[in-house]
Protein backbone atom coordinates (compact mmCIF):
# COMPACT_ATOMS: atom_id res chain seq x y z
CA MET A 1 8.20 -109.18 -21.80
CA THR A 2 6.18 -110.68 -24.64
CA LYS A 3 8.87 -109.70 -27.11
CA LYS A 4 11.53 -111.27 -24.91
CA THR A 5 9.49 -114.47 -24.58
CA SER A 6 8.91 -114.59 -28.32
CA THR A 7 12.63 -114.20 -29.00
CA SER A 8 13.42 -116.95 -26.51
CA ASN A 9 10.91 -119.25 -28.20
CA ARG A 10 12.47 -118.59 -31.58
CA VAL A 11 15.95 -119.35 -30.23
CA ASN A 12 14.81 -122.63 -28.68
CA ILE A 13 12.92 -123.69 -31.80
CA GLY A 14 15.85 -122.68 -34.01
CA PHE A 15 18.23 -124.69 -31.85
CA ALA A 16 15.93 -127.73 -32.00
CA LEU A 17 15.57 -127.46 -35.78
CA ALA A 18 19.35 -127.07 -36.18
CA THR A 19 19.86 -130.21 -34.09
CA VAL A 20 17.38 -132.13 -36.23
CA PHE A 21 19.08 -130.87 -39.41
CA LEU A 22 22.52 -131.97 -38.19
CA LEU A 23 21.10 -135.36 -37.20
CA VAL A 24 19.53 -135.87 -40.61
CA LEU A 25 22.77 -134.79 -42.31
CA ALA A 26 24.87 -137.16 -40.19
CA THR A 27 22.56 -140.13 -40.72
CA ASN A 28 22.44 -139.36 -44.43
CA ARG A 29 26.22 -139.64 -44.59
CA ILE A 30 26.10 -142.90 -42.65
CA ASP A 31 23.38 -144.24 -44.96
CA GLN A 32 25.49 -143.31 -47.96
CA ARG A 33 28.50 -145.15 -46.56
CA HIS A 34 26.42 -148.27 -45.94
CA PHE A 35 24.98 -148.01 -49.46
CA GLU A 36 28.49 -147.79 -50.91
CA THR A 37 29.50 -150.85 -48.86
CA VAL A 38 26.57 -152.86 -50.21
CA GLN A 39 27.21 -151.66 -53.77
CA ASP A 40 30.91 -152.54 -53.56
CA THR A 41 30.04 -155.96 -52.13
CA LEU A 42 27.62 -156.75 -54.96
CA THR A 43 30.19 -155.65 -57.55
CA THR A 44 32.88 -157.78 -55.89
CA VAL A 45 30.64 -160.84 -55.64
CA TYR A 46 29.84 -160.62 -59.34
CA ASN A 47 33.26 -159.70 -60.76
CA ASP A 48 35.47 -161.73 -58.44
CA ARG A 49 33.19 -164.64 -57.50
CA VAL A 50 30.41 -165.29 -60.01
CA VAL A 51 32.62 -164.62 -63.02
CA ALA A 52 35.53 -166.50 -61.41
CA GLN A 53 33.25 -169.47 -60.77
CA ASP A 54 32.39 -169.47 -64.48
CA TYR A 55 36.10 -169.57 -65.34
CA VAL A 56 36.59 -172.50 -62.96
CA TYR A 57 33.67 -174.34 -64.55
CA LYS A 58 35.12 -173.86 -68.04
CA MET A 59 38.57 -175.03 -66.93
CA ASN A 60 37.03 -178.10 -65.35
CA ASN A 61 35.21 -178.79 -68.60
CA ILE A 62 38.50 -178.64 -70.51
CA MET A 63 40.13 -181.10 -68.13
CA HIS A 64 37.15 -183.40 -68.57
CA LYS A 65 37.65 -183.32 -72.36
CA LYS A 66 41.36 -184.06 -71.95
CA ARG A 67 40.56 -187.02 -69.71
CA LEU A 68 38.08 -188.38 -72.26
CA GLN A 69 40.65 -188.04 -74.99
CA LEU A 70 43.10 -190.17 -73.05
CA LEU A 71 40.49 -192.81 -72.27
CA ASP A 72 38.80 -192.86 -75.65
CA SER A 73 40.96 -192.94 -78.74
CA ASN A 74 37.97 -191.99 -80.91
CA THR A 75 37.77 -188.47 -79.53
CA THR A 76 38.94 -185.75 -81.88
CA GLU A 77 39.74 -182.94 -79.43
CA ASN A 78 43.12 -181.35 -80.11
CA GLN A 79 45.28 -181.21 -76.98
CA ASN A 80 47.09 -178.05 -78.08
CA ASN A 81 43.81 -176.21 -78.64
CA LEU A 82 42.53 -177.33 -75.26
CA ASN A 83 45.75 -176.18 -73.62
CA LYS A 84 45.45 -172.78 -75.29
CA GLU A 85 41.88 -172.42 -74.03
CA PHE A 86 42.95 -173.41 -70.54
CA ALA A 87 45.89 -170.97 -70.59
CA THR A 88 43.55 -168.16 -71.67
CA LEU A 89 41.21 -168.94 -68.79
CA ILE A 90 44.14 -168.92 -66.37
CA ASP A 91 45.09 -165.45 -67.63
CA VAL A 92 41.60 -164.01 -67.19
CA PHE A 93 41.18 -165.71 -63.80
CA SER A 94 44.37 -164.01 -62.59
CA THR A 95 42.70 -160.60 -63.17
CA THR A 96 40.12 -161.31 -60.45
CA LYS A 97 40.74 -160.34 -56.83
CA LEU A 98 42.35 -163.30 -55.06
CA THR A 99 42.45 -164.05 -51.35
CA PRO A 100 45.77 -165.38 -49.92
CA LYS A 101 44.38 -168.93 -49.77
CA GLU A 102 42.95 -168.61 -53.26
CA SER A 103 46.23 -167.23 -54.59
CA LYS A 104 48.14 -170.24 -53.23
CA THR A 105 45.66 -172.70 -54.78
CA PHE A 106 45.79 -170.80 -58.06
CA ASN A 107 49.58 -170.97 -58.11
CA ASP A 108 49.38 -174.72 -57.50
CA LEU A 109 46.97 -174.97 -60.41
CA LYS A 110 49.33 -173.14 -62.77
CA GLN A 111 52.29 -175.28 -61.72
CA ASN A 112 50.33 -178.50 -62.16
CA PHE A 113 49.14 -177.36 -65.58
CA GLU A 114 52.76 -176.78 -66.64
CA ILE A 115 53.63 -180.29 -65.42
CA LEU A 116 50.74 -181.69 -67.43
CA LYS A 117 51.93 -179.98 -70.61
CA ARG A 118 55.47 -181.24 -70.13
CA ASN A 119 54.26 -184.80 -69.60
CA GLU A 120 52.08 -184.62 -72.69
CA LYS A 121 55.24 -184.24 -74.76
CA LYS A 122 56.75 -187.48 -73.41
CA THR A 123 55.00 -189.72 -75.87
CA GLU A 124 57.74 -192.34 -75.74
CA ASP A 125 56.89 -193.27 -72.17
CA HIS A 126 54.47 -196.25 -72.17
CA LEU A 127 53.20 -195.20 -68.73
CA ILE A 128 52.52 -191.62 -69.81
CA ASN A 129 48.74 -192.02 -70.00
CA LYS A 130 48.57 -192.97 -66.34
CA LYS A 131 50.76 -189.98 -65.45
CA LEU A 132 48.56 -187.67 -67.47
CA ILE A 133 45.42 -188.98 -65.79
CA ASP A 134 47.07 -188.36 -62.41
CA ASN A 135 48.05 -184.85 -63.51
CA ILE A 136 44.51 -184.12 -64.63
CA SER A 137 43.12 -185.44 -61.34
CA THR A 138 45.46 -183.11 -59.43
CA ILE A 139 44.36 -180.15 -61.54
CA GLU A 140 40.70 -181.06 -61.03
CA THR A 141 41.33 -181.06 -57.27
CA ASP A 142 42.82 -177.56 -57.52
CA LEU A 143 39.80 -176.42 -59.52
CA ASN A 144 37.38 -177.92 -57.00
CA ASN A 145 39.20 -176.11 -54.20
CA LEU A 146 38.95 -172.85 -56.15
CA ALA A 147 35.22 -173.44 -56.65
CA LEU A 148 34.75 -173.97 -52.89
CA ILE A 149 36.62 -170.72 -52.20
CA GLN A 150 34.25 -168.84 -54.53
CA VAL A 151 31.28 -170.14 -52.56
CA SER A 152 32.76 -169.34 -49.14
CA GLU A 153 33.92 -165.86 -50.19
CA SER A 154 30.54 -165.07 -51.74
CA LYS A 155 28.86 -166.11 -48.49
CA LEU A 156 31.27 -163.90 -46.52
CA LYS A 157 30.63 -160.88 -48.78
CA VAL A 158 26.87 -161.34 -48.61
CA GLY A 159 27.16 -161.49 -44.81
CA ILE A 160 29.03 -158.17 -44.80
CA ALA A 161 26.37 -156.60 -47.03
CA GLN A 162 23.57 -157.92 -44.81
CA LYS A 163 25.29 -156.59 -41.69
CA SER A 164 25.61 -153.18 -43.33
CA LEU A 165 21.92 -153.21 -44.28
CA ASP A 166 20.92 -154.24 -40.75
CA THR A 167 23.00 -151.41 -39.28
CA ASN A 168 21.48 -148.97 -41.75
CA ASN A 169 17.99 -150.14 -40.80
CA LEU A 170 18.77 -149.68 -37.10
CA MET A 171 20.10 -146.18 -37.72
CA SER A 172 16.98 -145.29 -39.70
CA ASN A 173 14.75 -146.44 -36.83
CA LEU A 174 16.83 -144.47 -34.32
CA GLU A 175 16.64 -141.43 -36.58
CA ILE A 176 12.85 -141.65 -36.78
CA GLY A 177 12.62 -142.12 -33.02
CA PHE A 178 14.86 -139.13 -32.37
CA LEU A 179 12.92 -136.95 -34.79
CA VAL A 180 9.67 -137.85 -33.01
CA PHE A 181 11.33 -137.12 -29.67
CA MET A 182 12.61 -133.74 -30.89
CA GLY A 183 9.17 -132.92 -32.29
CA ILE A 184 7.62 -133.59 -28.89
CA ILE A 185 10.29 -131.48 -27.17
CA VAL A 186 9.68 -128.58 -29.57
CA GLN A 187 5.93 -128.82 -28.94
CA LEU A 188 6.47 -128.88 -25.19
CA VAL A 189 8.83 -125.91 -25.31
CA VAL A 190 6.44 -123.88 -27.45
CA PHE A 191 3.42 -124.85 -25.34
CA TYR A 192 5.29 -124.09 -22.10
CA ARG A 193 6.45 -120.69 -23.36
CA ILE A 194 2.98 -119.75 -24.60
CA ARG A 195 1.40 -120.89 -21.38
CA LYS A 196 4.01 -119.06 -19.32
CA SER A 197 3.46 -115.96 -21.42
CA SER A 198 -0.30 -116.20 -20.89
CA TYR A 199 0.17 -116.48 -17.14
CA ALA A 200 2.49 -113.49 -17.17
CA LYS A 201 -0.03 -111.42 -19.10
CA ALA A 202 -2.85 -112.48 -16.79
CA GLU A 203 -0.75 -111.63 -13.73
CA GLN A 204 0.17 -108.27 -15.21
CA SER A 205 -3.48 -107.50 -15.96
CA THR A 206 -4.47 -108.44 -12.40
CA ARG A 207 -1.92 -106.06 -10.97
CA LEU A 208 -3.21 -103.27 -13.15
């Protein structure tokens, strides 16, 4: 009877330990998925938002120089060089991940930049400076809209990362609670079996 009880205890304990092992394995996989989500979010925020915001800042700076050149004849900035710099920034900005709204604004920016370059060649028009200032203002509006999108998208991504971390924290607390619960159950099962075995032995001795 003692051997049978001992075997039963081992089976119960083995089952409990197997359950704990599977729980730890499952939560580990969940933790890994949440970690990957946070890591991907941080990478996206840097590559597609922080870097993109830097491109927008540099493009805005170029438009500011072009505006100054139109307003101040003493400036020595070369329009062609500025246009080349702006075109390069447009190319690198296009390599970032764009949202649908951002893509539309970016397309508007490219179209308005082409209009600006065409108007810059119309030197015979005495009203061209006013047109160019208007073109630059339109481009600056596009750039400001792109900058606002970077901020809103960064906030959204950070929110997703925080939600993933909160979920991971909750799962960790549940895991700890379950492990404590299973530990108590194992102790109760072992104690109950030992106590039952002791009673059985005592009863058997009394009969003898």
